[in-house]
C-alpha cells in the first residue's frame, strides 16, 4: 500500500460530501416501496418530497438537511494493512476539508470545558469546527482499508436511548422493550420515517459501538426476521411520515447483537435515525473506490 497524505485527504473529503448529500440506491428503493403502499396522501407527499430533496442535494453536492451532522467514522482494516498515526491524521484532515466543501453547518462550540457545556463560548464559524466523534476501528479479512463516514444529526441523538433491559431468559422480552422504545422515539422525533439502529451488548460503550456497526452493515434490501419484527411492530403505531399518521413510520431496522455475558441484563442502544439518516458513504483507500 502506497498512499500519500494528499490522496487520503482528497478521498475522505469527497466521501464526506457524498455521505452528507446523497441516498444510496437501497434507501431510494425503500422509499419508493413505502410510497407505493402509503394510503395517507399527506404522508405520501412527504416521502415524495424527501426523495425530490435527495435528488436535488445529490445533483448539487449540497447537504440533505440543514442539520448537516457530526461526522462519525468507522475504519475497517485488513490483515496486511499497516495504518500509521499520520494516516489517521490525514483522515481527520480529509473530514475537515469535506465539511468545508459540503458545506457543513458551522455549529462547533468554542471555549473551555464549561463554555462548551453551557454554550457560552460562541460558535466556531468554520464548518470544520465540528470535530469527528472518536474513531471506531474494526478488522476485516479482506485486503482493504475502508473509511465509513456517517453524519449524525441532533434530533435522533435526543431521542436515542442506551439502557439496560432485564431479559428474563427471553429474547422476546428484549425485543418488546426495543419496540416500546421505538414507538415512543419515532412519535417524538418528528423527522420520520425513521431507520431504527440497534446494538445489544455488555456495556454502554459496546452497545453504542454495535449500533454504529449495524448502520455500516445494514441494507434496506434485506432485514432479518427479528429486524422485520421490530419494523412491523413500530409501524403499527401509525405515526407515519412527519407524524401525519401514515403507514410507514420506520423504513427498516438495522440490529447487531454482540457477545453477551452471564447476567440478568442486556445493554441496548437504540437510535431512531431520521428520514435522511443514515447519511453514509464509504471509501476503500486502497483502490480509491467511493460508494
C-alpha atoms as a PDB file:
ATOM      1  CA  UNK A   1       0.000   0.000   0.000  1.00  0.00           C
ATOM      2  CA  UNK A   2       1.374   3.361  -1.000  1.00  0.00           C
ATOM      3  CA  UNK A   3      -0.964   6.192  -0.085  1.00  0.00           C
ATOM      4  CA  UNK A   4       0.109   9.782   0.099  1.00  0.00           C
ATOM      5  CA  UNK A   5      -1.295  12.175   2.645  1.00  0.00           C
ATOM      6  CA  UNK A   6      -2.871  14.196  -0.167  1.00  0.00           C
ATOM      7  CA  UNK A   7      -4.602  11.117  -1.634  1.00  0.00           C
ATOM      8  CA  UNK A   8      -6.155  10.226   1.725  1.00  0.00           C
ATOM      9  CA  UNK A   9      -7.328  13.797   2.374  1.00  0.00           C
ATOM     10  CA  UNK A  10      -8.893  14.110  -1.074  1.00  0.00           C
ATOM     11  CA  UNK A  11     -10.625  10.700  -0.977  1.00  0.00           C
ATOM     12  CA  UNK A  12     -12.008  11.200   2.524  1.00  0.00           C
ATOM     13  CA  UNK A  13     -13.155  14.727   1.665  1.00  0.00           C
ATOM     14  CA  UNK A  14     -15.135  13.521  -1.361  1.00  0.00           C
ATOM     15  CA  UNK A  15     -16.582  10.653   0.673  1.00  0.00           C
ATOM     16  CA  UNK A  16     -17.873  13.005   3.368  1.00  0.00           C
ATOM     17  CA  UNK A  17     -19.569  15.193   0.749  1.00  0.00           C
ATOM     18  CA  UNK A  18     -21.234  12.097  -0.706  1.00  0.00           C
ATOM     19  CA  UNK A  19     -22.362  10.948   2.752  1.00  0.00           C
ATOM     20  CA  UNK A  20     -23.903  14.323   3.523  1.00  0.00           C
ATOM     21  CA  UNK A  21     -25.577  14.881   0.158  1.00  0.00           C
ATOM     22  CA  UNK A  22     -26.937  11.596  -1.205  1.00  0.00           C
ATOM     23  CA  UNK A  23     -29.018   8.495  -0.574  1.00  0.00           C
ATOM     24  CA  UNK A  24     -27.745   5.055  -1.524  1.00  0.00           C
ATOM     25  CA  UNK A  25     -29.817   3.087  -4.022  1.00  0.00           C
ATOM     26  CA  UNK A  26     -31.216   0.695  -1.423  1.00  0.00           C
ATOM     27  CA  UNK A  27     -32.629   3.621   0.561  1.00  0.00           C
ATOM     28  CA  UNK A  28     -34.208   5.151  -2.557  1.00  0.00           C
ATOM     29  CA  UNK A  29     -35.777   1.765  -3.278  1.00  0.00           C
ATOM     30  CA  UNK A  30     -37.104   1.563   0.296  1.00  0.00           C
ATOM     31  CA  UNK A  31     -38.725   4.976  -0.030  1.00  0.00           C
ATOM     32  CA  UNK A  32     -40.297   4.033  -3.354  1.00  0.00           C
ATOM     33  CA  UNK A  33     -41.748   0.866  -1.818  1.00  0.00           C
ATOM     34  CA  UNK A  34     -43.148   2.883   1.094  1.00  0.00           C
ATOM     35  CA  UNK A  35     -44.629   5.491  -1.256  1.00  0.00           C
ATOM     36  CA  UNK A  36     -46.295   2.817  -3.357  1.00  0.00           C
ATOM     37  CA  UNK A  37     -48.151   1.289  -0.400  1.00  0.00           C
ATOM     38  CA  UNK A  38     -48.871   4.526   1.525  1.00  0.00           C
ATOM     39  CA  UNK A  39     -52.612   5.212   1.923  1.00  0.00           C
ATOM     40  CA  UNK A  40     -52.336   8.663   3.528  1.00  0.00           C
ATOM     41  CA  UNK A  41     -51.959  11.287   0.735  1.00  0.00           C
ATOM     42  CA  UNK A  42     -50.172  13.755   3.023  1.00  0.00           C
ATOM     43  CA  UNK A  43     -47.681  11.149   4.227  1.00  0.00           C
ATOM     44  CA  UNK A  44     -47.102  10.021   0.643  1.00  0.00           C
ATOM     45  CA  UNK A  45     -46.401  13.630  -0.396  1.00  0.00           C
ATOM     46  CA  UNK A  46     -43.863  13.976   2.430  1.00  0.00           C
ATOM     47  CA  UNK A  47     -41.914  10.922   1.281  1.00  0.00           C
ATOM     48  CA  UNK A  48     -42.052  12.016  -2.365  1.00  0.00           C
ATOM     49  CA  UNK A  49     -40.684  15.394  -1.280  1.00  0.00           C
ATOM     50  CA  UNK A  50     -37.891  13.728   0.733  1.00  0.00           C
ATOM     51  CA  UNK A  51     -36.832  11.853  -2.416  1.00  0.00           C
ATOM     52  CA  UNK A  52     -37.022  15.020  -4.530  1.00  0.00           C
ATOM     53  CA  UNK A  53     -34.874  16.801  -1.921  1.00  0.00           C
ATOM     54  CA  UNK A  54     -32.349  13.949  -2.010  1.00  0.00           C
ATOM     55  CA  UNK A  55     -32.189  14.103  -5.809  1.00  0.00           C
ATOM     56  CA  UNK A  56     -31.533  17.842  -5.721  1.00  0.00           C
ATOM     57  CA  UNK A  57     -28.922  17.517  -2.957  1.00  0.00           C
ATOM     58  CA  UNK A  58     -27.052  14.831  -4.914  1.00  0.00           C
ATOM     59  CA  UNK A  59     -27.037  16.894  -8.116  1.00  0.00           C
ATOM     60  CA  UNK A  60     -25.684  19.938  -6.279  1.00  0.00           C
ATOM     61  CA  UNK A  61     -23.499  18.082  -3.739  1.00  0.00           C
ATOM     62  CA  UNK A  62     -25.315  20.054  -1.064  1.00  0.00           C
ATOM     63  CA  UNK A  63     -26.484  18.983   2.405  1.00  0.00           C
ATOM     64  CA  UNK A  64     -29.545  16.747   2.625  1.00  0.00           C
ATOM     65  CA  UNK A  65     -30.601  18.661   5.742  1.00  0.00           C
ATOM     66  CA  UNK A  66     -29.780  21.968   7.436  1.00  0.00           C
ATOM     67  CA  UNK A  67     -28.549  19.878  10.380  1.00  0.00           C
ATOM     68  CA  UNK A  68     -25.653  18.601   8.298  1.00  0.00           C
ATOM     69  CA  UNK A  69     -24.465  16.366  11.118  1.00  0.00           C
ATOM     70  CA  UNK A  70     -21.491  15.309  13.206  1.00  0.00           C
ATOM     71  CA  UNK A  71     -19.003  13.019  11.391  1.00  0.00           C
ATOM     72  CA  UNK A  72     -18.793   9.509  12.827  1.00  0.00           C
ATOM     73  CA  UNK A  73     -16.004   7.374  11.354  1.00  0.00           C
ATOM     74  CA  UNK A  74     -15.617   3.595  11.228  1.00  0.00           C
ATOM     75  CA  UNK A  75     -12.276   2.309   9.940  1.00  0.00           C
ATOM     76  CA  UNK A  76     -12.204  -1.215   8.505  1.00  0.00           C
ATOM     77  CA  UNK A  77      -8.669  -2.548   8.265  1.00  0.00           C
ATOM     78  CA  UNK A  78      -7.417  -5.757   6.617  1.00  0.00           C
ATOM     79  CA  UNK A  79      -4.850  -8.246   7.886  1.00  0.00           C
ATOM     80  CA  UNK A  80      -1.905  -6.941   5.886  1.00  0.00           C
ATOM     81  CA  UNK A  81      -2.678  -3.235   6.062  1.00  0.00           C
ATOM     82  CA  UNK A  82      -0.397  -1.111   8.198  1.00  0.00           C
ATOM     83  CA  UNK A  83      -2.001   2.120   9.403  1.00  0.00           C
ATOM     84  CA  UNK A  84       0.115   4.898  10.864  1.00  0.00           C
ATOM     85  CA  UNK A  85      -0.780   7.822  13.054  1.00  0.00           C
ATOM     86  CA  UNK A  86      -0.011  10.105  10.115  1.00  0.00           C
ATOM     87  CA  UNK A  87      -2.639   8.288   8.040  1.00  0.00           C
ATOM     88  CA  UNK A  88      -5.239   8.727  10.779  1.00  0.00           C
ATOM     89  CA  UNK A  89      -4.405  12.413  10.945  1.00  0.00           C
ATOM     90  CA  UNK A  90      -4.863  12.619   7.168  1.00  0.00           C
ATOM     91  CA  UNK A  91      -8.328  11.067   7.572  1.00  0.00           C
ATOM     92  CA  UNK A  92      -9.185  13.820  10.071  1.00  0.00           C
ATOM     93  CA  UNK A  93      -7.937  16.475   7.681  1.00  0.00           C
ATOM     94  CA  UNK A  94      -9.998  14.932   4.898  1.00  0.00           C
ATOM     95  CA  UNK A  95     -13.072  15.173   7.107  1.00  0.00           C
ATOM     96  CA  UNK A  96     -12.323  18.837   7.803  1.00  0.00           C
ATOM     97  CA  UNK A  97     -11.899  19.544   4.098  1.00  0.00           C
ATOM     98  CA  UNK A  98     -15.134  17.732   3.302  1.00  0.00           C
ATOM     99  CA  UNK A  99     -17.055  19.739   5.904  1.00  0.00           C
ATOM    100  CA  UNK A 100     -15.876  22.937   4.252  1.00  0.00           C
ATOM    101  CA  UNK A 101     -16.797  21.703   0.778  1.00  0.00           C
ATOM    102  CA  UNK A 102     -20.280  20.390   1.636  1.00  0.00           C
ATOM    103  CA  UNK A 103     -20.535  22.805   3.489  1.00  0.00           C
ATOM    104  CA  UNK A 104     -21.465  21.578   6.925  1.00  0.00           C
ATOM    105  CA  UNK A 105     -23.380  23.853   9.248  1.00  0.00           C
ATOM    106  CA  UNK A 106     -20.911  25.727  11.490  1.00  0.00           C
ATOM    107  CA  UNK A 107     -22.136  24.553  14.870  1.00  0.00           C
ATOM    108  CA  UNK A 108     -18.975  23.696  16.783  1.00  0.00           C
ATOM    109  CA  UNK A 109     -18.864  25.376  20.211  1.00  0.00           C
ATOM    110  CA  UNK A 110     -15.739  27.305  21.213  1.00  0.00           C
ATOM    111  CA  UNK A 111     -14.222  27.665  24.674  1.00  0.00           C
ATOM    112  CA  UNK A 112     -13.144  25.581  27.646  1.00  0.00           C
ATOM    113  CA  UNK A 113     -14.998  22.636  29.150  1.00  0.00           C
ATOM    114  CA  UNK A 114     -17.613  24.743  30.937  1.00  0.00           C
ATOM    115  CA  UNK A 115     -18.127  27.091  27.997  1.00  0.00           C
ATOM    116  CA  UNK A 116     -18.678  24.163  25.657  1.00  0.00           C
ATOM    117  CA  UNK A 117     -21.202  22.645  28.045  1.00  0.00           C
ATOM    118  CA  UNK A 118     -23.210  25.820  28.686  1.00  0.00           C
ATOM    119  CA  UNK A 119     -22.685  27.119  25.118  1.00  0.00           C
ATOM    120  CA  UNK A 120     -21.281  30.454  26.291  1.00  0.00           C
ATOM    121  CA  UNK A 121     -18.096  30.243  24.197  1.00  0.00           C
ATOM    122  CA  UNK A 122     -19.808  31.115  20.922  1.00  0.00           C
ATOM    123  CA  UNK A 123     -19.894  29.271  17.613  1.00  0.00           C
ATOM    124  CA  UNK A 124     -16.868  28.395  15.505  1.00  0.00           C
ATOM    125  CA  UNK A 125     -17.557  29.962  12.099  1.00  0.00           C
ATOM    126  CA  UNK A 126     -15.516  27.229  10.377  1.00  0.00           C
ATOM    127  CA  UNK A 127     -17.645  24.191   9.367  1.00  0.00           C
ATOM    128  CA  UNK A 128     -14.582  22.069  10.214  1.00  0.00           C
ATOM    129  CA  UNK A 129     -15.020  23.186  13.818  1.00  0.00           C
ATOM    130  CA  UNK A 130     -17.492  20.296  14.075  1.00  0.00           C
ATOM    131  CA  UNK A 131     -14.915  17.689  15.076  1.00  0.00           C
ATOM    132  CA  UNK A 132     -15.352  13.960  14.458  1.00  0.00           C
ATOM    133  CA  UNK A 133     -16.540  11.601  17.145  1.00  0.00           C
ATOM    134  CA  UNK A 134     -13.823   9.123  18.271  1.00  0.00           C
ATOM    135  CA  UNK A 135     -12.949   6.636  15.529  1.00  0.00           C
ATOM    136  CA  UNK A 136     -14.285   3.085  15.706  1.00  0.00           C
ATOM    137  CA  UNK A 137     -11.866   0.505  14.288  1.00  0.00           C
ATOM    138  CA  UNK A 138     -12.770  -2.994  13.184  1.00  0.00           C
ATOM    139  CA  UNK A 139     -10.992  -5.848  11.433  1.00  0.00           C
ATOM    140  CA  UNK A 140     -11.703  -7.436   8.069  1.00  0.00           C
ATOM    141  CA  UNK A 141     -10.105 -10.479   6.414  1.00  0.00           C
ATOM    142  CA  UNK A 142     -10.208  -8.638   3.098  1.00  0.00           C
ATOM    143  CA  UNK A 143      -7.274  -6.665   1.745  1.00  0.00           C
ATOM    144  CA  UNK A 144      -8.923  -3.331   2.406  1.00  0.00           C
ATOM    145  CA  UNK A 145      -8.639  -0.047   4.262  1.00  0.00           C
ATOM    146  CA  UNK A 146     -12.184   1.265   4.287  1.00  0.00           C
ATOM    147  CA  UNK A 147     -13.324   4.527   5.803  1.00  0.00           C
ATOM    148  CA  UNK A 148     -17.065   4.583   6.519  1.00  0.00           C
ATOM    149  CA  UNK A 149     -18.360   8.100   7.163  1.00  0.00           C
ATOM    150  CA  UNK A 150     -21.742   8.762   8.767  1.00  0.00           C
ATOM    151  CA  UNK A 151     -23.248  12.157   9.524  1.00  0.00           C
ATOM    152  CA  UNK A 152     -25.290  12.056  12.741  1.00  0.00           C
ATOM    153  CA  UNK A 153     -27.906  14.758  13.353  1.00  0.00           C
ATOM    154  CA  UNK A 154     -29.026  16.128  16.705  1.00  0.00           C
ATOM    155  CA  UNK A 155     -32.679  15.066  16.727  1.00  0.00           C
ATOM    156  CA  UNK A 156     -32.009  11.314  16.709  1.00  0.00           C
ATOM    157  CA  UNK A 157     -29.421  11.766  19.472  1.00  0.00           C
ATOM    158  CA  UNK A 158     -32.062  13.467  21.639  1.00  0.00           C
ATOM    159  CA  UNK A 159     -34.499  10.574  21.172  1.00  0.00           C
ATOM    160  CA  UNK A 160     -31.916   7.756  21.300  1.00  0.00           C
ATOM    161  CA  UNK A 161     -31.607   5.535  24.334  1.00  0.00           C
ATOM    162  CA  UNK A 162     -28.894   3.333  25.823  1.00  0.00           C
ATOM    163  CA  UNK A 163     -30.067   1.407  28.852  1.00  0.00           C
ATOM    164  CA  UNK A 164     -30.215  -1.998  30.479  1.00  0.00           C
ATOM    165  CA  UNK A 165     -33.002  -4.485  29.847  1.00  0.00           C
ATOM    166  CA  UNK A 166     -33.726  -7.393  32.204  1.00  0.00           C
ATOM    167  CA  UNK A 167     -34.031 -10.205  29.673  1.00  0.00           C
ATOM    168  CA  UNK A 168     -35.765 -12.772  31.949  1.00  0.00           C
ATOM    169  CA  UNK A 169     -34.196 -15.506  29.801  1.00  0.00           C
ATOM    170  CA  UNK A 170     -36.305 -14.429  26.831  1.00  0.00           C
ATOM    171  CA  UNK A 171     -35.220 -12.648  23.658  1.00  0.00           C
ATOM    172  CA  UNK A 172     -38.868 -11.626  23.231  1.00  0.00           C
ATOM    173  CA  UNK A 173     -38.597  -9.537  26.385  1.00  0.00           C
ATOM    174  CA  UNK A 174     -35.653  -7.626  24.914  1.00  0.00           C
ATOM    175  CA  UNK A 175     -37.293  -7.163  21.503  1.00  0.00           C
ATOM    176  CA  UNK A 176     -40.545  -5.989  23.091  1.00  0.00           C
ATOM    177  CA  UNK A 177     -38.623  -3.360  25.042  1.00  0.00           C
ATOM    178  CA  UNK A 178     -36.891  -2.174  21.871  1.00  0.00           C
ATOM    179  CA  UNK A 179     -40.290  -1.926  20.161  1.00  0.00           C
ATOM    180  CA  UNK A 180     -41.632   0.128  23.058  1.00  0.00           C
ATOM    181  CA  UNK A 181     -38.643   2.485  22.875  1.00  0.00           C
ATOM    182  CA  UNK A 182     -39.014   2.702  19.099  1.00  0.00           C
ATOM    183  CA  UNK A 183     -42.690   3.654  19.192  1.00  0.00           C
ATOM    184  CA  UNK A 184     -42.045   6.401  21.729  1.00  0.00           C
ATOM    185  CA  UNK A 185     -38.950   7.754  19.961  1.00  0.00           C
ATOM    186  CA  UNK A 186     -40.478   7.803  16.477  1.00  0.00           C
ATOM    187  CA  UNK A 187     -43.592   9.591  17.745  1.00  0.00           C
ATOM    188  CA  UNK A 188     -41.468  12.265  19.433  1.00  0.00           C
ATOM    189  CA  UNK A 189     -38.801  12.694  16.755  1.00  0.00           C
ATOM    190  CA  UNK A 190     -40.936  14.269  14.050  1.00  0.00           C
ATOM    191  CA  UNK A 191     -38.473  13.613  11.208  1.00  0.00           C
ATOM    192  CA  UNK A 192     -39.944  10.282  10.180  1.00  0.00           C
ATOM    193  CA  UNK A 193     -39.980   7.784   8.566  1.00  0.00           C
ATOM    194  CA  UNK A 194     -37.056   6.560  10.618  1.00  0.00           C
ATOM    195  CA  UNK A 195     -34.454   3.853  10.383  1.00  0.00           C
ATOM    196  CA  UNK A 196     -34.002   2.184  13.758  1.00  0.00           C
ATOM    197  CA  UNK A 197     -30.392   1.328  14.582  1.00  0.00           C
ATOM    198  CA  UNK A 198     -29.954  -1.122  17.454  1.00  0.00           C
ATOM    199  CA  UNK A 199     -26.922  -2.547  19.246  1.00  0.00           C
ATOM    200  CA  UNK A 200     -27.132  -5.164  22.007  1.00  0.00           C
ATOM    201  CA  UNK A 201     -24.017  -5.654  24.106  1.00  0.00           C
ATOM    202  CA  UNK A 202     -22.496  -5.992  27.564  1.00  0.00           C
ATOM    203  CA  UNK A 203     -21.784  -2.350  28.309  1.00  0.00           C
ATOM    204  CA  UNK A 204     -22.956   1.070  27.213  1.00  0.00           C
ATOM    205  CA  UNK A 205     -19.827   1.550  25.109  1.00  0.00           C
ATOM    206  CA  UNK A 206     -20.193  -1.817  23.416  1.00  0.00           C
ATOM    207  CA  UNK A 207     -23.913  -1.412  22.751  1.00  0.00           C
ATOM    208  CA  UNK A 208     -23.339   2.031  21.213  1.00  0.00           C
ATOM    209  CA  UNK A 209     -20.495   0.699  19.079  1.00  0.00           C
ATOM    210  CA  UNK A 210     -22.652  -2.189  17.874  1.00  0.00           C
ATOM    211  CA  UNK A 211     -25.402   0.297  16.966  1.00  0.00           C
ATOM    212  CA  UNK A 212     -22.938   2.187  14.782  1.00  0.00           C
ATOM    213  CA  UNK A 213     -21.712  -1.053  13.194  1.00  0.00           C
ATOM    214  CA  UNK A 214     -25.322  -2.004  12.457  1.00  0.00           C
ATOM    215  CA  UNK A 215     -25.614   1.155  10.356  1.00  0.00           C
ATOM    216  CA  UNK A 216     -22.426   0.279   8.457  1.00  0.00           C
ATOM    217  CA  UNK A 217     -23.615  -3.260   7.712  1.00  0.00           C
ATOM    218  CA  UNK A 218     -27.322  -2.592   7.250  1.00  0.00           C
ATOM    219  CA  UNK A 219     -29.151  -2.600   3.937  1.00  0.00           C
ATOM    220  CA  UNK A 220     -32.778  -1.726   3.194  1.00  0.00           C
ATOM    221  CA  UNK A 221     -32.944  -4.617   0.745  1.00  0.00           C
ATOM    222  CA  UNK A 222     -32.556  -7.233   3.476  1.00  0.00           C
ATOM    223  CA  UNK A 223     -33.654  -7.466   7.101  1.00  0.00           C
ATOM    224  CA  UNK A 224     -33.508 -10.425   9.460  1.00  0.00           C
ATOM    225  CA  UNK A 225     -36.706 -11.894  10.846  1.00  0.00           C
ATOM    226  CA  UNK A 226     -36.063 -10.079  14.138  1.00  0.00           C
ATOM    227  CA  UNK A 227     -35.374  -6.758  12.425  1.00  0.00           C
ATOM    228  CA  UNK A 228     -38.600  -7.133  10.426  1.00  0.00           C
ATOM    229  CA  UNK A 229     -40.483  -7.866  13.633  1.00  0.00           C
ATOM    230  CA  UNK A 230     -39.336  -4.589  15.184  1.00  0.00           C
ATOM    231  CA  UNK A 231     -40.037  -2.609  11.996  1.00  0.00           C
ATOM    232  CA  UNK A 232     -43.538  -4.013  11.573  1.00  0.00           C
ATOM    233  CA  UNK A 233     -44.445  -3.561  15.239  1.00  0.00           C
ATOM    234  CA  UNK A 234     -43.379   0.092  15.317  1.00  0.00           C
ATOM    235  CA  UNK A 235     -45.201   0.716  12.039  1.00  0.00           C
ATOM    236  CA  UNK A 236     -48.381  -0.493  13.716  1.00  0.00           C
ATOM    237  CA  UNK A 237     -48.295   2.719  15.762  1.00  0.00           C
ATOM    238  CA  UNK A 238     -49.226   4.599  12.553  1.00  0.00           C
ATOM    239  CA  UNK A 239     -47.055   7.621  13.418  1.00  0.00           C
ATOM    240  CA  UNK A 240     -46.258   7.954   9.722  1.00  0.00           C
ATOM    241  CA  UNK A 241     -44.099  10.437   7.834  1.00  0.00           C
ATOM    242  CA  UNK A 242     -43.630  13.659   9.852  1.00  0.00           C
ATOM    243  CA  UNK A 243     -46.139  12.306  12.362  1.00  0.00           C
ATOM    244  CA  UNK A 244     -49.022  12.532   9.868  1.00  0.00           C
ATOM    245  CA  UNK A 245     -50.365   9.076  10.820  1.00  0.00           C
ATOM    246  CA  UNK A 246     -49.364   7.164   7.708  1.00  0.00           C
ATOM    247  CA  UNK A 247     -48.498   3.524   7.123  1.00  0.00           C
ATOM    248  CA  UNK A 248     -44.713   3.851   7.269  1.00  0.00           C
ATOM    249  CA  UNK A 249     -43.151   5.142  10.485  1.00  0.00           C
ATOM    250  CA  UNK A 250     -39.989   3.043  10.067  1.00  0.00           C
ATOM    251  CA  UNK A 251     -38.355   2.106   6.761  1.00  0.00           C
ATOM    252  CA  UNK A 252     -36.161  -0.602   8.297  1.00  0.00           C
ATOM    253  CA  UNK A 253     -34.391  -1.769  11.429  1.00  0.00           C
ATOM    254  CA  UNK A 254     -30.649  -2.470  11.462  1.00  0.00           C
ATOM    255  CA  UNK A 255     -29.618  -4.515  14.501  1.00  0.00           C
ATOM    256  CA  UNK A 256     -26.316  -6.031  15.602  1.00  0.00           C
ATOM    257  CA  UNK A 257     -26.024  -8.375  18.572  1.00  0.00           C
ATOM    258  CA  UNK A 258     -22.583  -8.682  20.138  1.00  0.00           C
ATOM    259  CA  UNK A 259     -21.074 -11.039  22.714  1.00  0.00           C
ATOM    260  CA  UNK A 260     -23.107 -11.417  25.897  1.00  0.00           C
ATOM    261  CA  UNK A 261     -22.266 -12.281  29.496  1.00  0.00           C
ATOM    262  CA  UNK A 262     -23.905 -14.447  32.137  1.00  0.00           C
ATOM    263  CA  UNK A 263     -26.068 -11.733  33.631  1.00  0.00           C
ATOM    264  CA  UNK A 264     -29.686 -10.796  34.116  1.00  0.00           C
ATOM    265  CA  UNK A 265     -29.365  -7.741  31.887  1.00  0.00           C
ATOM    266  CA  UNK A 266     -28.604  -6.867  28.293  1.00  0.00           C
ATOM    267  CA  UNK A 267     -27.463  -3.348  27.452  1.00  0.00           C
ATOM    268  CA  UNK A 268     -29.345  -1.986  24.448  1.00  0.00           C
ATOM    269  CA  UNK A 269     -28.614   1.110  22.365  1.00  0.00           C
ATOM    270  CA  UNK A 270     -31.412   2.283  20.072  1.00  0.00           C
ATOM    271  CA  UNK A 271     -31.082   5.292  17.728  1.00  0.00           C
ATOM    272  CA  UNK A 272     -34.122   6.432  15.736  1.00  0.00           C
ATOM    273  CA  UNK A 273     -32.283   7.697  12.665  1.00  0.00           C
ATOM    274  CA  UNK A 274     -34.266  10.461  10.972  1.00  0.00           C
ATOM    275  CA  UNK A 275     -35.731  10.421   7.456  1.00  0.00           C
ATOM    276  CA  UNK A 276     -32.339  11.449   5.992  1.00  0.00           C
ATOM    277  CA  UNK A 277     -30.194   9.063   8.030  1.00  0.00           C
ATOM    278  CA  UNK A 278     -28.130   7.038   7.850  1.00  0.00           C
ATOM    279  CA  UNK A 279     -26.195   9.581   5.784  1.00  0.00           C
ATOM    280  CA  UNK A 280     -23.341   7.269   4.936  1.00  0.00           C
ATOM    281  CA  UNK A 281     -20.646   6.807   2.308  1.00  0.00           C
ATOM    282  CA  UNK A 282     -17.572   4.588   2.176  1.00  0.00           C
ATOM    283  CA  UNK A 283     -14.174   4.787   0.533  1.00  0.00           C
ATOM    284  CA  UNK A 284     -11.651   1.965   0.184  1.00  0.00           C
ATOM    285  CA  UNK A 285      -8.412   3.889   0.295  1.00  0.00           C
ATOM    286  CA  UNK A 286      -6.518   1.019  -1.331  1.00  0.00           C
ATOM    287  CA  UNK A 287      -8.350   1.450  -4.635  1.00  0.00           C
ATOM    288  CA  UNK A 288      -9.964   4.869  -4.251  1.00  0.00           C
ATOM    289  CA  UNK A 289     -13.465   3.454  -4.777  1.00  0.00           C
ATOM    290  CA  UNK A 290     -16.182   5.590  -3.156  1.00  0.00           C
ATOM    291  CA  UNK A 291     -19.695   4.237  -2.694  1.00  0.00           C
END
